[in-house]
């Protein structure tokens, strides 16, 4: 996930640069080149895909954590052990 998030930062910088370049064309009264528009669209698509991937992996991690906590609680119930916080009360 960290690698993808770092890549996302790079993609966002690339997109910002491409958008500035397109804006410069428009300010000068020129038409934005088709290649530049394509690069902007592709970069946005890559950002969307990376964000979706990160969200999916974070959700998976949350699910694994939740399952672990449920399993741990069940284990403690079945073995008659108490959590440290429960015995401190």
Foldseek 3Di string as FASTA:
>chain_A
DVVLVVVLVVLVVVLVVLVVVCVVCVVVVHHRDPVSVVSNVVSVVSNVVSVVVVVVVVVVVVVVVVVVVVVVVVVCVVVVHDDPVVVVD
